[in-house]
Amino acid sequence: MWKAALLLIPQKPITGFGDEFEPAIEKLYQEKKISSQLYNLKLPHFHNQFIDITVKHGVIGLVLLLLFLLFPYYILQKTQCSKETKFAILLLTIGIVVSGLTDVPLEFKQVFTLFTVFTYIFLKNKSPTSV
């Protein structure tokens, strides 16, 4: 799937294909750029959060995803938070990024909600900072 995605991204790099990438996959198959096994899988995503977003929503979507993941660190710079809070947000973000290398965790409403809620809770934690 990654190979097919990397062939699709240059075709619509800015806005992506949306959820209508199947005709482009079919064209790659007809041009013999992907195998019949891959073509017959008909998977709904590309098994990588970052590649999947780039194919479906282009570079604009990828930038928005990265901003979403980095936004808590912007907030952390503006507020006084404990080391534990910073570490918790770091681990939460690393978990999403690492799992995003082989799946699309933020497409699942439950994972997206948990990430957002826990990040909010950690950022609102007003524990005293350590010196």
N, C-alpha and C. Protein backbone atom coordinates (compact mmCIF):
# COMPACT_ATOMS: atom_id res chain seq x y z
N MET A 1 0.82 -1.19 0.00
CA MET A 1 0.00 0.00 0.00
C MET A 1 0.87 1.25 0.00
N TRP A 2 1.98 1.20 0.71
CA TRP A 2 2.85 2.38 0.76
C TRP A 2 3.36 2.72 -0.64
N LYS A 3 3.73 1.69 -1.40
CA LYS A 3 4.24 1.93 -2.76
C LYS A 3 3.18 2.62 -3.61
N ALA A 4 1.96 2.12 -3.54
CA ALA A 4 0.87 2.74 -4.30
C ALA A 4 0.65 4.17 -3.84
N ALA A 5 0.68 4.40 -2.55
CA ALA A 5 0.49 5.75 -2.02
C ALA A 5 1.58 6.70 -2.51
N LEU A 6 2.81 6.23 -2.50
CA LEU A 6 3.92 7.08 -2.94
C LEU A 6 3.84 7.38 -4.44
N LEU A 7 3.15 6.52 -5.19
CA LEU A 7 2.92 6.81 -6.61
C LEU A 7 1.75 7.78 -6.80
N LEU A 8 0.82 7.79 -5.85
CA LEU A 8 -0.35 8.66 -5.96
C LEU A 8 -0.09 10.09 -5.50
N ILE A 9 0.72 10.26 -4.48
CA ILE A 9 0.94 11.59 -3.88
C ILE A 9 1.36 12.63 -4.92
N PRO A 10 2.30 12.34 -5.82
CA PRO A 10 2.69 13.37 -6.80
C PRO A 10 1.57 13.76 -7.77
N GLN A 11 0.56 12.91 -7.92
CA GLN A 11 -0.54 13.23 -8.84
C GLN A 11 -1.42 14.37 -8.33
N LYS A 12 -1.65 14.41 -7.03
CA LYS A 12 -2.45 15.49 -6.41
C LYS A 12 -1.79 15.86 -5.08
N PRO A 13 -0.63 16.51 -5.13
CA PRO A 13 0.12 16.75 -3.90
C PRO A 13 -0.49 17.78 -2.96
N ILE A 14 -1.22 18.74 -3.45
CA ILE A 14 -1.72 19.82 -2.59
C ILE A 14 -3.02 19.43 -1.89
N THR A 15 -4.00 18.98 -2.64
CA THR A 15 -5.32 18.70 -2.05
C THR A 15 -5.61 17.23 -1.86
N GLY A 16 -4.90 16.34 -2.51
CA GLY A 16 -5.13 14.91 -2.37
C GLY A 16 -6.37 14.43 -3.12
N PHE A 17 -6.67 13.16 -2.95
CA PHE A 17 -7.77 12.50 -3.66
C PHE A 17 -9.05 12.45 -2.86
N GLY A 18 -9.01 12.75 -1.58
CA GLY A 18 -10.18 12.51 -0.74
C GLY A 18 -10.37 11.01 -0.57
N ASP A 19 -11.59 10.59 -0.39
CA ASP A 19 -11.87 9.16 -0.27
C ASP A 19 -12.06 8.50 -1.63
N GLU A 20 -11.88 9.25 -2.70
CA GLU A 20 -12.08 8.76 -4.06
C GLU A 20 -10.74 8.43 -4.73
N PHE A 21 -9.92 7.64 -4.07
CA PHE A 21 -8.61 7.28 -4.63
C PHE A 21 -8.65 5.96 -5.39
N GLU A 22 -9.76 5.24 -5.34
CA GLU A 22 -9.87 3.94 -6.01
C GLU A 22 -9.63 4.01 -7.52
N PRO A 23 -10.19 5.01 -8.24
CA PRO A 23 -9.89 5.08 -9.68
C PRO A 23 -8.40 5.27 -9.96
N ALA A 24 -7.72 6.00 -9.11
CA ALA A 24 -6.28 6.19 -9.30
C ALA A 24 -5.53 4.89 -9.04
N ILE A 25 -5.98 4.10 -8.06
CA ILE A 25 -5.38 2.78 -7.79
C ILE A 25 -5.60 1.88 -9.00
N GLU A 26 -6.81 1.92 -9.55
CA GLU A 26 -7.10 1.10 -10.73
C GLU A 26 -6.20 1.49 -11.91
N LYS A 27 -5.99 2.77 -12.08
CA LYS A 27 -5.11 3.23 -13.16
C LYS A 27 -3.68 2.73 -12.94
N LEU A 28 -3.20 2.76 -11.70
CA LEU A 28 -1.86 2.23 -11.41
C LEU A 28 -1.78 0.75 -11.74
N TYR A 29 -2.87 0.02 -11.45
CA TYR A 29 -2.89 -1.41 -11.76
C TYR A 29 -2.87 -1.64 -13.27
N GLN A 30 -3.65 -0.87 -14.01
CA GLN A 30 -3.69 -1.01 -15.46
C GLN A 30 -2.35 -0.66 -16.10
N GLU A 31 -1.62 0.27 -15.48
CA GLU A 31 -0.29 0.63 -15.97
C GLU A 31 0.78 -0.33 -15.47
N LYS A 32 0.34 -1.36 -14.71
CA LYS A 32 1.23 -2.39 -14.16
C LYS A 32 2.28 -1.81 -13.20
N LYS A 33 1.89 -0.77 -12.46
CA LYS A 33 2.78 -0.18 -11.46
C LYS A 33 2.56 -0.78 -10.08
N ILE A 34 1.44 -1.47 -9.90
CA ILE A 34 1.18 -2.20 -8.66
C ILE A 34 0.72 -3.61 -9.02
N SER A 35 0.88 -4.52 -8.08
CA SER A 35 0.56 -5.93 -8.32
C SER A 35 -0.95 -6.18 -8.24
N SER A 36 -1.36 -7.32 -8.76
CA SER A 36 -2.78 -7.69 -8.69
C SER A 36 -3.19 -7.97 -7.25
N GLN A 37 -2.28 -8.51 -6.44
CA GLN A 37 -2.59 -8.77 -5.04
C GLN A 37 -2.94 -7.46 -4.31
N LEU A 38 -2.16 -6.44 -4.56
CA LEU A 38 -2.42 -5.15 -3.94
C LEU A 38 -3.71 -4.54 -4.47
N TYR A 39 -3.93 -4.64 -5.75
CA TYR A 39 -5.13 -4.09 -6.36
C TYR A 39 -6.39 -4.77 -5.82
N ASN A 40 -6.33 -6.08 -5.62
CA ASN A 40 -7.49 -6.84 -5.16
C ASN A 40 -7.78 -6.68 -3.66
N LEU A 41 -6.85 -6.14 -2.90
CA LEU A 41 -7.08 -5.96 -1.47
C LEU A 41 -8.20 -4.96 -1.17
N LYS A 42 -8.27 -3.89 -1.94
CA LYS A 42 -9.32 -2.86 -1.78
C LYS A 42 -9.38 -2.34 -0.33
N LEU A 43 -8.24 -2.01 0.21
CA LEU A 43 -8.19 -1.52 1.59
C LEU A 43 -8.64 -0.05 1.66
N PRO A 44 -9.29 0.33 2.78
CA PRO A 44 -9.79 1.70 2.90
C PRO A 44 -8.73 2.73 3.27
N HIS A 45 -7.54 2.26 3.66
CA HIS A 45 -6.47 3.18 4.00
C HIS A 45 -5.12 2.58 3.66
N PHE A 46 -4.06 3.38 3.83
CA PHE A 46 -2.73 2.99 3.34
C PHE A 46 -1.78 2.49 4.43
N HIS A 47 -2.29 2.17 5.60
CA HIS A 47 -1.51 1.59 6.70
C HIS A 47 -0.35 2.46 7.16
N ASN A 48 -0.51 3.76 7.07
CA ASN A 48 0.44 4.73 7.61
C ASN A 48 -0.33 6.04 7.71
N GLN A 49 -0.47 6.56 8.92
CA GLN A 49 -1.27 7.76 9.15
C GLN A 49 -0.82 8.93 8.27
N PHE A 50 0.48 9.12 8.17
CA PHE A 50 1.03 10.28 7.48
C PHE A 50 0.90 10.14 5.95
N ILE A 51 1.16 8.94 5.44
CA ILE A 51 1.00 8.70 4.01
C ILE A 51 -0.48 8.73 3.64
N ASP A 52 -1.32 8.13 4.47
CA ASP A 52 -2.75 8.09 4.20
C ASP A 52 -3.34 9.51 4.14
N ILE A 53 -2.98 10.34 5.09
CA ILE A 53 -3.47 11.73 5.11
C ILE A 53 -2.98 12.48 3.87
N THR A 54 -1.73 12.24 3.48
CA THR A 54 -1.17 12.95 2.33
C THR A 54 -1.86 12.53 1.04
N VAL A 55 -2.18 11.24 0.88
CA VAL A 55 -2.89 10.79 -0.31
C VAL A 55 -4.31 11.36 -0.32
N LYS A 56 -4.99 11.30 0.81
CA LYS A 56 -6.40 11.69 0.85
C LYS A 56 -6.61 13.20 0.92
N HIS A 57 -5.70 13.91 1.61
CA HIS A 57 -5.92 15.35 1.83
C HIS A 57 -4.73 16.20 1.42
N GLY A 58 -3.74 15.61 0.80
CA GLY A 58 -2.60 16.35 0.28
C GLY A 58 -1.68 16.89 1.37
N VAL A 59 -0.79 17.73 0.94
CA VAL A 59 0.18 18.34 1.85
C VAL A 59 -0.55 19.22 2.87
N ILE A 60 -1.66 19.81 2.46
CA ILE A 60 -2.45 20.63 3.39
C ILE A 60 -2.91 19.78 4.57
N GLY A 61 -3.43 18.59 4.30
CA GLY A 61 -3.86 17.69 5.36
C GLY A 61 -2.71 17.23 6.24
N LEU A 62 -1.57 16.96 5.62
CA LEU A 62 -0.40 16.54 6.39
C LEU A 62 0.05 17.65 7.33
N VAL A 63 0.08 18.88 6.84
CA VAL A 63 0.48 20.01 7.69
C VAL A 63 -0.51 20.18 8.84
N LEU A 64 -1.80 20.05 8.56
CA LEU A 64 -2.81 20.16 9.63
C LEU A 64 -2.65 19.05 10.66
N LEU A 65 -2.34 17.84 10.21
CA LEU A 65 -2.11 16.73 11.14
C LEU A 65 -0.91 17.02 12.04
N LEU A 66 0.17 17.48 11.44
CA LEU A 66 1.37 17.80 12.23
C LEU A 66 1.10 18.94 13.21
N LEU A 67 0.35 19.94 12.78
CA LEU A 67 -0.01 21.03 13.70
C LEU A 67 -0.86 20.51 14.85
N PHE A 68 -1.78 19.61 14.55
CA PHE A 68 -2.62 19.01 15.59
C PHE A 68 -1.77 18.27 16.62
N LEU A 69 -0.77 17.53 16.14
CA LEU A 69 0.09 16.77 17.05
C LEU A 69 1.06 17.67 17.83
N LEU A 70 1.46 18.79 17.22
CA LEU A 70 2.43 19.68 17.87
C LEU A 70 1.79 20.79 18.69
N PHE A 71 0.49 21.03 18.53
CA PHE A 71 -0.18 22.10 19.24
C PHE A 71 -0.02 22.03 20.76
N PRO A 72 -0.10 20.84 21.38
CA PRO A 72 0.10 20.79 22.83
C PRO A 72 1.46 21.34 23.27
N TYR A 73 2.49 21.19 22.45
CA TYR A 73 3.81 21.70 22.82
C TYR A 73 3.85 23.22 22.74
N TYR A 74 3.07 23.79 21.85
CA TYR A 74 2.94 25.24 21.78
C TYR A 74 2.29 25.75 23.08
N ILE A 75 1.23 25.06 23.51
CA ILE A 75 0.56 25.43 24.76
C ILE A 75 1.50 25.25 25.94
N LEU A 76 2.28 24.18 25.93
CA LEU A 76 3.23 23.95 27.04
C LEU A 76 4.25 25.08 27.15
N GLN A 77 4.63 25.67 26.04
CA GLN A 77 5.59 26.78 26.07
C GLN A 77 4.97 28.03 26.69
N LYS A 78 3.65 28.16 26.60
CA LYS A 78 2.95 29.36 27.10
C LYS A 78 2.52 29.23 28.56
N THR A 79 2.54 28.01 29.10
CA THR A 79 2.06 27.80 30.46
C THR A 79 3.14 27.14 31.31
N GLN A 80 2.95 27.23 32.59
CA GLN A 80 3.84 26.57 33.54
C GLN A 80 3.26 25.19 33.86
N CYS A 81 3.92 24.16 33.42
CA CYS A 81 3.47 22.79 33.68
C CYS A 81 4.59 21.99 34.32
N SER A 82 4.21 20.97 35.05
CA SER A 82 5.19 20.11 35.71
C SER A 82 5.91 19.25 34.69
N LYS A 83 7.03 18.69 35.10
CA LYS A 83 7.77 17.77 34.24
C LYS A 83 6.92 16.54 33.92
N GLU A 84 6.13 16.13 34.90
CA GLU A 84 5.28 14.96 34.70
C GLU A 84 4.24 15.22 33.60
N THR A 85 3.67 16.42 33.60
CA THR A 85 2.70 16.77 32.57
C THR A 85 3.34 16.79 31.19
N LYS A 86 4.51 17.39 31.10
CA LYS A 86 5.22 17.44 29.82
C LYS A 86 5.57 16.03 29.35
N PHE A 87 6.00 15.19 30.29
CA PHE A 87 6.36 13.82 29.95
C PHE A 87 5.13 13.02 29.50
N ALA A 88 3.99 13.22 30.17
CA ALA A 88 2.76 12.51 29.82
C ALA A 88 2.30 12.89 28.41
N ILE A 89 2.35 14.18 28.09
CA ILE A 89 1.95 14.62 26.75
C ILE A 89 2.93 14.09 25.70
N LEU A 90 4.21 14.09 26.04
CA LEU A 90 5.22 13.56 25.13
C LEU A 90 4.96 12.08 24.84
N LEU A 91 4.71 11.28 25.88
CA LEU A 91 4.45 9.85 25.69
C LEU A 91 3.17 9.62 24.89
N LEU A 92 2.14 10.41 25.16
CA LEU A 92 0.88 10.27 24.44
C LEU A 92 1.09 10.56 22.95
N THR A 93 1.82 11.62 22.65
CA THR A 93 2.07 11.98 21.25
C THR A 93 2.96 10.96 20.57
N ILE A 94 3.99 10.50 21.26
CA ILE A 94 4.88 9.48 20.68
C ILE A 94 4.09 8.20 20.39
N GLY A 95 3.18 7.84 21.28
CA GLY A 95 2.34 6.66 21.06
C GLY A 95 1.52 6.77 19.79
N ILE A 96 0.93 7.94 19.58
CA ILE A 96 0.13 8.16 18.36
C ILE A 96 1.02 8.14 17.12
N VAL A 97 2.18 8.80 17.19
CA VAL A 97 3.07 8.86 16.04
C VAL A 97 3.60 7.47 15.68
N VAL A 98 4.03 6.71 16.67
CA VAL A 98 4.58 5.38 16.41
C VAL A 98 3.50 4.45 15.86
N SER A 99 2.32 4.47 16.47
CA SER A 99 1.25 3.61 15.94
C SER A 99 0.80 4.09 14.56
N GLY A 100 0.99 5.37 14.27
CA GLY A 100 0.65 5.91 12.97
C GLY A 100 1.57 5.46 11.86
N LEU A 101 2.69 4.86 12.20
CA LEU A 101 3.60 4.37 11.17
C LEU A 101 3.09 3.09 10.50
N THR A 102 2.21 2.35 11.18
CA THR A 102 1.70 1.10 10.60
C THR A 102 0.18 1.03 10.59
N ASP A 103 -0.50 2.07 11.02
CA ASP A 103 -1.95 2.09 11.04
C ASP A 103 -2.41 3.55 10.95
N VAL A 104 -3.70 3.77 11.03
CA VAL A 104 -4.24 5.13 10.99
C VAL A 104 -5.05 5.37 12.26
N PRO A 105 -4.38 5.51 13.41
CA PRO A 105 -5.10 5.57 14.68
C PRO A 105 -6.04 6.76 14.81
N LEU A 106 -5.70 7.90 14.27
CA LEU A 106 -6.54 9.07 14.44
C LEU A 106 -7.79 9.05 13.56
N GLU A 107 -7.92 8.07 12.68
CA GLU A 107 -9.16 7.90 11.92
C GLU A 107 -10.24 7.24 12.77
N PHE A 108 -9.83 6.58 13.85
CA PHE A 108 -10.79 5.95 14.75
C PHE A 108 -11.26 6.99 15.75
N LYS A 109 -12.56 7.19 15.82
CA LYS A 109 -13.13 8.22 16.69
C LYS A 109 -12.70 8.05 18.14
N GLN A 110 -12.61 6.80 18.60
CA GLN A 110 -12.27 6.55 19.99
C GLN A 110 -10.85 7.01 20.29
N VAL A 111 -9.91 6.69 19.41
CA VAL A 111 -8.51 7.06 19.63
C VAL A 111 -8.36 8.57 19.54
N PHE A 112 -9.00 9.18 18.55
CA PHE A 112 -8.94 10.64 18.40
C PHE A 112 -9.50 11.32 19.65
N THR A 113 -10.64 10.83 20.13
CA THR A 113 -11.26 11.42 21.33
C THR A 113 -10.38 11.24 22.55
N LEU A 114 -9.84 10.05 22.74
CA LEU A 114 -8.98 9.81 23.90
C LEU A 114 -7.73 10.69 23.86
N PHE A 115 -7.11 10.80 22.68
CA PHE A 115 -5.93 11.65 22.55
C PHE A 115 -6.28 13.10 22.90
N THR A 116 -7.38 13.59 22.37
CA THR A 116 -7.78 14.97 22.61
C THR A 116 -8.14 15.21 24.07
N VAL A 117 -8.92 14.31 24.65
CA VAL A 117 -9.36 14.47 26.04
C VAL A 117 -8.17 14.38 27.00
N PHE A 118 -7.33 13.39 26.82
CA PHE A 118 -6.18 13.26 27.73
C PHE A 118 -5.21 14.44 27.58
N THR A 119 -5.00 14.91 26.38
CA THR A 119 -4.14 16.07 26.19
C THR A 119 -4.74 17.28 26.90
N TYR A 120 -6.04 17.48 26.76
CA TYR A 120 -6.72 18.59 27.43
C TYR A 120 -6.58 18.46 28.95
N ILE A 121 -6.82 17.27 29.47
CA ILE A 121 -6.71 17.06 30.92
C ILE A 121 -5.29 17.35 31.41
N PHE A 122 -4.30 16.85 30.68
CA PHE A 122 -2.91 17.10 31.08
C PHE A 122 -2.56 18.58 31.03
N LEU A 123 -3.04 19.27 30.01
CA LEU A 123 -2.74 20.70 29.88
C LEU A 123 -3.46 21.54 30.93
N LYS A 124 -4.62 21.10 31.40
CA LYS A 124 -5.34 21.83 32.42
C LYS A 124 -4.88 21.50 33.83
N ASN A 125 -4.01 20.53 33.95
CA ASN A 125 -3.47 20.14 35.25
C ASN A 125 -2.58 21.28 35.76
N LYS A 126 -3.00 21.91 36.84
CA LYS A 126 -2.27 23.06 37.37
C LYS A 126 -1.35 22.67 38.54
N SER A 127 -0.70 21.54 38.44
CA SER A 127 0.22 21.14 39.51
C SER A 127 1.43 22.06 39.50
N PRO A 128 2.05 22.27 40.64
CA PRO A 128 3.21 23.17 40.69
C PRO A 128 4.37 22.62 39.89
N THR A 129 5.12 23.51 39.29
CA THR A 129 6.26 23.08 38.50
C THR A 129 7.45 22.80 39.39
N SER A 130 8.26 21.87 38.94
CA SER A 130 9.48 21.53 39.66
C SER A 130 10.61 22.43 39.22
N VAL A 131 11.51 22.72 40.13
CA VAL A 131 12.65 23.58 39.78
C VAL A 131 13.91 22.76 39.68
